[in-house]
N, C-alpha and C. Protein backbone atom coordinates (compact mmCIF):
# COMPACT_ATOMS: atom_id res chain seq x y z
N MET A 1 0.83 -1.00 0.35
CA MET A 1 0.33 -0.19 -0.24
C MET A 1 0.67 1.24 0.30
N GLU A 2 1.67 1.53 1.00
CA GLU A 2 3.08 2.82 0.70
C GLU A 2 3.26 2.51 -0.49
N ALA A 3 3.70 1.49 -1.30
CA ALA A 3 4.29 2.06 -2.38
C ALA A 3 3.01 2.49 -3.64
N ARG A 4 2.36 2.77 -3.38
CA ARG A 4 1.14 2.80 -4.10
C ARG A 4 0.83 4.52 -3.82
N SER A 5 1.22 4.70 -2.52
CA SER A 5 1.23 6.01 -1.81
C SER A 5 -0.63 6.41 -1.27
N VAL A 6 -0.88 4.94 -0.88
CA VAL A 6 -2.19 4.88 -0.27
C VAL A 6 -2.36 5.10 0.80
N ASP A 7 -3.16 6.20 2.00
CA ASP A 7 -3.33 6.61 3.40
C ASP A 7 -3.64 5.52 4.17
N ILE A 8 -3.35 4.74 4.63
CA ILE A 8 -3.85 3.77 5.43
C ILE A 8 -4.93 4.42 6.84
N LYS A 9 -5.66 4.59 7.30
CA LYS A 9 -6.55 5.31 8.52
C LYS A 9 -6.12 3.98 9.64
N GLU A 10 -6.73 2.60 9.44
CA GLU A 10 -6.44 2.56 10.29
C GLU A 10 -5.92 0.87 9.81
N THR A 11 -5.24 0.33 10.80
CA THR A 11 -4.82 -1.46 10.57
C THR A 11 -5.25 -2.41 12.28
N VAL A 12 -5.70 -3.01 11.66
CA VAL A 12 -6.23 -4.55 12.74
C VAL A 12 -5.13 -5.50 12.43
N LEU A 13 -4.69 -6.04 13.48
CA LEU A 13 -3.91 -7.19 13.86
C LEU A 13 -4.81 -8.09 13.36
N ALA A 14 -3.48 -9.20 12.32
CA ALA A 14 -4.62 -10.53 11.96
C ALA A 14 -4.75 -11.33 13.45
N SER A 15 -4.07 -11.03 14.62
CA SER A 15 -4.53 -11.80 15.47
C SER A 15 -5.88 -11.62 16.19
N LYS A 16 -6.75 -10.47 16.08
CA LYS A 16 -8.21 -9.87 16.02
C LYS A 16 -9.07 -10.85 15.39
N LYS A 17 -9.28 -11.58 15.79
CA LYS A 17 -9.67 -12.54 14.65
C LYS A 17 -11.77 -12.07 14.29
N LEU A 18 -11.40 -12.04 13.28
CA LEU A 18 -12.95 -11.01 12.81
C LEU A 18 -13.57 -12.49 12.16
N ASN A 19 -15.17 -12.64 12.56
CA ASN A 19 -16.05 -13.24 12.00
C ASN A 19 -17.59 -12.77 11.39
N ALA A 20 -18.24 -14.41 10.88
CA ALA A 20 -19.73 -13.33 10.49
C ALA A 20 -20.14 -12.58 10.79
N ASP A 21 -19.87 -12.43 12.58
CA ASP A 21 -20.74 -11.15 13.30
C ASP A 21 -20.04 -10.09 13.10
N HIS A 22 -18.85 -9.82 12.29
CA HIS A 22 -18.15 -8.83 12.18
C HIS A 22 -18.19 -8.04 10.66
N CYS A 23 -19.03 -8.95 9.91
CA CYS A 23 -19.29 -8.30 8.25
C CYS A 23 -19.96 -7.25 8.76
N PRO A 24 -21.22 -7.15 8.84
CA PRO A 24 -22.08 -5.56 9.28
C PRO A 24 -20.96 -4.85 9.44
N GLU A 25 -20.77 -4.59 10.62
CA GLU A 25 -19.69 -3.45 10.95
C GLU A 25 -18.65 -3.22 10.15
N VAL A 26 -18.39 -4.31 9.71
CA VAL A 26 -16.76 -3.64 8.26
C VAL A 26 -17.42 -3.56 7.31
N THR A 27 -19.02 -3.64 6.36
CA THR A 27 -19.39 -3.21 5.77
C THR A 27 -20.30 -1.81 5.58
N ASP A 28 -20.51 -1.38 7.17
CA ASP A 28 -21.41 -0.30 7.25
C ASP A 28 -21.47 0.67 6.54
N LYS A 29 -21.85 1.52 6.01
CA LYS A 29 -22.15 2.91 5.03
C LYS A 29 -21.03 1.96 3.51
N ALA A 30 -20.96 0.90 3.28
CA ALA A 30 -20.81 0.70 2.04
C ALA A 30 -22.08 0.60 1.38
N THR A 31 -21.79 0.81 -0.15
CA THR A 31 -23.00 0.07 -1.10
C THR A 31 -22.44 -0.88 -1.81
N ARG A 32 -20.93 -1.29 -1.96
CA ARG A 32 -20.31 -2.20 -2.82
C ARG A 32 -19.71 -3.17 -2.34
N LEU A 33 -19.28 -4.44 -2.37
CA LEU A 33 -18.57 -5.21 -2.23
C LEU A 33 -18.04 -5.79 -2.66
N VAL A 34 -16.65 -6.14 -2.85
CA VAL A 34 -15.90 -6.83 -3.75
C VAL A 34 -15.33 -7.77 -3.02
N ALA A 35 -15.03 -9.00 -3.43
CA ALA A 35 -15.16 -10.64 -2.41
C ALA A 35 -14.03 -10.87 -3.70
N MET A 36 -12.61 -11.40 -3.51
CA MET A 36 -11.70 -11.80 -4.39
C MET A 36 -11.27 -12.90 -3.51
N LYS A 37 -11.33 -14.21 -4.57
CA LYS A 37 -10.99 -15.31 -3.74
C LYS A 37 -9.40 -15.70 -4.84
N GLY A 38 -8.42 -15.38 -5.41
CA GLY A 38 -7.54 -15.41 -6.45
C GLY A 38 -8.11 -14.72 -7.49
N LYS A 39 -8.26 -15.46 -8.39
CA LYS A 39 -9.08 -15.31 -10.17
C LYS A 39 -10.37 -14.91 -9.71
N LYS A 40 -11.05 -15.79 -8.66
CA LYS A 40 -12.87 -15.28 -8.68
C LYS A 40 -13.31 -14.32 -8.11
N VAL A 41 -13.69 -13.50 -8.16
CA VAL A 41 -14.24 -11.97 -8.28
C VAL A 41 -15.38 -12.13 -8.20
N GLU A 42 -16.26 -11.84 -6.98
CA GLU A 42 -17.63 -11.65 -6.83
C GLU A 42 -17.92 -10.32 -6.31
N SER A 43 -18.76 -9.32 -7.05
CA SER A 43 -19.52 -8.07 -6.72
C SER A 43 -20.81 -8.07 -6.14
N PHE A 44 -21.08 -7.59 -5.08
CA PHE A 44 -21.83 -7.50 -4.27
C PHE A 44 -22.39 -5.93 -4.27
N ASP A 45 -24.34 -5.81 -4.34
CA ASP A 45 -24.81 -4.88 -4.03
C ASP A 45 -25.10 -4.20 -2.57
N LEU A 46 -24.79 -3.75 -2.07
CA LEU A 46 -25.17 -3.23 -0.38
C LEU A 46 -25.97 -2.18 -0.09
N LYS A 47 -26.64 -2.13 -1.40
CA LYS A 47 -27.74 -0.93 -0.95
C LYS A 47 -29.06 -1.39 0.22
N SER A 48 -28.92 -2.53 -0.58
CA SER A 48 -30.08 -3.02 0.19
C SER A 48 -30.08 -4.57 1.57
N GLY A 49 -28.49 -4.09 1.55
CA GLY A 49 -28.34 -4.76 2.50
C GLY A 49 -27.33 -6.12 2.80
N LEU A 50 -26.63 -6.39 3.76
CA LEU A 50 -25.33 -7.83 2.97
C LEU A 50 -26.24 -9.12 3.61
N SER A 51 -26.49 -9.73 2.40
CA SER A 51 -26.86 -11.17 2.19
C SER A 51 -26.45 -12.10 3.26
N ASP A 52 -26.40 -13.37 2.72
CA ASP A 52 -25.78 -14.25 3.51
C ASP A 52 -24.41 -14.81 1.61
N ALA A 53 -24.94 -14.59 0.97
CA ALA A 53 -23.68 -14.87 -0.22
C ALA A 53 -22.69 -14.11 0.14
N ALA A 54 -22.68 -12.76 0.46
CA ALA A 54 -22.41 -11.85 0.74
C ALA A 54 -21.16 -12.06 1.90
N ILE A 55 -21.69 -12.52 2.87
CA ILE A 55 -21.27 -12.53 4.03
C ILE A 55 -19.76 -14.08 3.93
N ALA A 56 -20.66 -14.89 3.17
CA ALA A 56 -19.84 -15.89 2.82
C ALA A 56 -18.48 -15.83 2.06
N ALA A 57 -19.06 -15.17 1.22
CA ALA A 57 -18.04 -14.31 0.29
C ALA A 57 -16.61 -13.92 0.79
N MET A 58 -16.88 -13.81 1.70
CA MET A 58 -16.14 -12.42 2.64
C MET A 58 -15.58 -13.15 3.82
N LEU A 59 -15.58 -14.33 4.35
CA LEU A 59 -15.11 -15.47 4.72
C LEU A 59 -14.19 -16.43 4.58
N GLY A 60 -13.25 -16.50 5.07
CA GLY A 60 -12.28 -17.98 4.25
C GLY A 60 -12.56 -18.91 5.06
N PRO A 61 -12.10 -20.14 4.79
CA PRO A 61 -12.03 -21.56 5.20
C PRO A 61 -12.52 -21.66 6.68
N THR A 62 -11.88 -20.87 7.24
CA THR A 62 -11.62 -21.05 8.64
C THR A 62 -12.80 -20.19 9.86
N GLY A 63 -13.72 -19.43 8.38
CA GLY A 63 -14.45 -18.88 9.09
C GLY A 63 -14.44 -17.47 9.44
N ASN A 64 -13.43 -17.67 9.22
CA ASN A 64 -12.56 -15.37 10.04
C ASN A 64 -12.74 -15.00 8.44
N LEU A 65 -12.75 -13.62 8.81
CA LEU A 65 -12.27 -12.14 7.38
C LEU A 65 -11.17 -12.91 6.58
N ARG A 66 -11.71 -12.59 5.69
CA ARG A 66 -10.56 -13.24 4.19
C ARG A 66 -9.66 -11.46 4.53
N ALA A 67 -7.77 -11.76 4.60
CA ALA A 67 -6.90 -10.65 4.56
C ALA A 67 -6.64 -10.21 3.24
N PRO A 68 -6.20 -9.41 2.61
CA PRO A 68 -6.66 -8.06 3.13
C PRO A 68 -8.08 -8.35 2.92
N THR A 69 -8.42 -6.73 3.45
CA THR A 69 -10.20 -6.09 3.65
C THR A 69 -9.83 -4.90 3.95
N LEU A 70 -10.37 -4.15 2.78
CA LEU A 70 -9.73 -2.53 3.11
C LEU A 70 -11.37 -1.91 2.70
N LYS A 71 -11.27 -0.84 3.01
CA LYS A 71 -12.63 0.10 2.81
C LYS A 71 -12.20 1.35 1.55
N VAL A 72 -12.55 0.99 0.26
CA VAL A 72 -12.08 2.54 -0.53
C VAL A 72 -13.33 3.21 -0.48
N GLY A 73 -13.57 4.36 -0.72
CA GLY A 73 -14.87 4.85 -0.59
C GLY A 73 -15.66 4.42 0.50
N LYS A 74 -17.00 4.09 -0.69
CA LYS A 74 -18.22 3.25 -0.51
C LYS A 74 -18.45 1.88 -0.51
N THR A 75 -16.78 1.11 -0.74
CA THR A 75 -16.55 0.13 -1.31
C THR A 75 -15.86 -0.79 -0.71
N VAL A 76 -15.98 -1.77 0.14
CA VAL A 76 -15.24 -2.53 0.67
C VAL A 76 -15.02 -4.07 -0.54
N LEU A 77 -13.04 -3.37 -0.08
CA LEU A 77 -12.57 -5.20 -0.75
C LEU A 77 -11.92 -6.13 0.20
N VAL A 78 -12.62 -7.34 -0.57
CA VAL A 78 -11.89 -8.37 0.73
C VAL A 78 -11.26 -9.87 0.04
N GLY A 79 -10.21 -10.09 0.21
CA GLY A 79 -9.39 -10.98 -0.38
C GLY A 79 -7.96 -10.41 -1.05
N PHE A 80 -7.68 -10.67 -2.25
CA PHE A 80 -6.69 -10.32 -3.44
C PHE A 80 -6.99 -10.95 -4.31
N ASN A 81 -6.88 -9.88 -5.48
CA ASN A 81 -6.55 -10.07 -6.85
C ASN A 81 -5.90 -9.13 -7.71
N GLU A 82 -4.88 -9.09 -7.98
CA GLU A 82 -4.03 -8.71 -9.08
C GLU A 82 -4.62 -7.29 -9.38
N SER A 83 -5.70 -7.69 -10.61
CA SER A 83 -6.19 -6.98 -11.15
C SER A 83 -7.34 -6.06 -10.76
N ILE A 84 -7.81 -6.57 -9.67
CA ILE A 84 -8.86 -5.38 -9.11
C ILE A 84 -8.03 -4.12 -8.13
N PHE A 85 -6.74 -4.69 -7.39
CA PHE A 85 -6.17 -3.66 -6.78
C PHE A 85 -4.86 -2.95 -8.24
N GLU A 86 -4.83 -3.35 -8.75
CA GLU A 86 -4.52 -2.39 -10.42
C GLU A 86 -5.21 -1.08 -10.55
N GLU A 87 -6.82 -1.98 -10.66
CA GLU A 87 -8.04 -0.68 -11.49
C GLU A 87 -8.29 0.17 -10.12
N THR A 88 -8.27 -0.82 -8.90
CA THR A 88 -8.42 0.53 -8.26
C THR A 88 -7.45 1.29 -7.59
N PHE A 89 -6.05 1.16 -6.96
CA PHE A 89 -5.30 1.87 -6.83
C PHE A 89 -4.00 1.99 -7.67
N GLY A 90 -4.38 1.67 -9.12
CA GLY A 90 -3.48 2.11 -10.27
C GLY A 90 -2.14 1.77 -10.03
């Protein structure tokens, strides 16, 4: 992130386990969720709320929130995909 001059406002250590109960807090005030698992990218419209499918896409195999998780404006990015990060951060 520093290499792309992205201003990081808050960092949460990985030792603080975030699970499905934390997903509404993470997506609060967001209108879009982009969940990435390698080449698989799913986009969810959050204007009508957080669906079970969106929550499932945010979680890894252990049931914890996937890393990295970023809020960029009104979009929440969960997981990593090179092309999405390049598109978002240039």
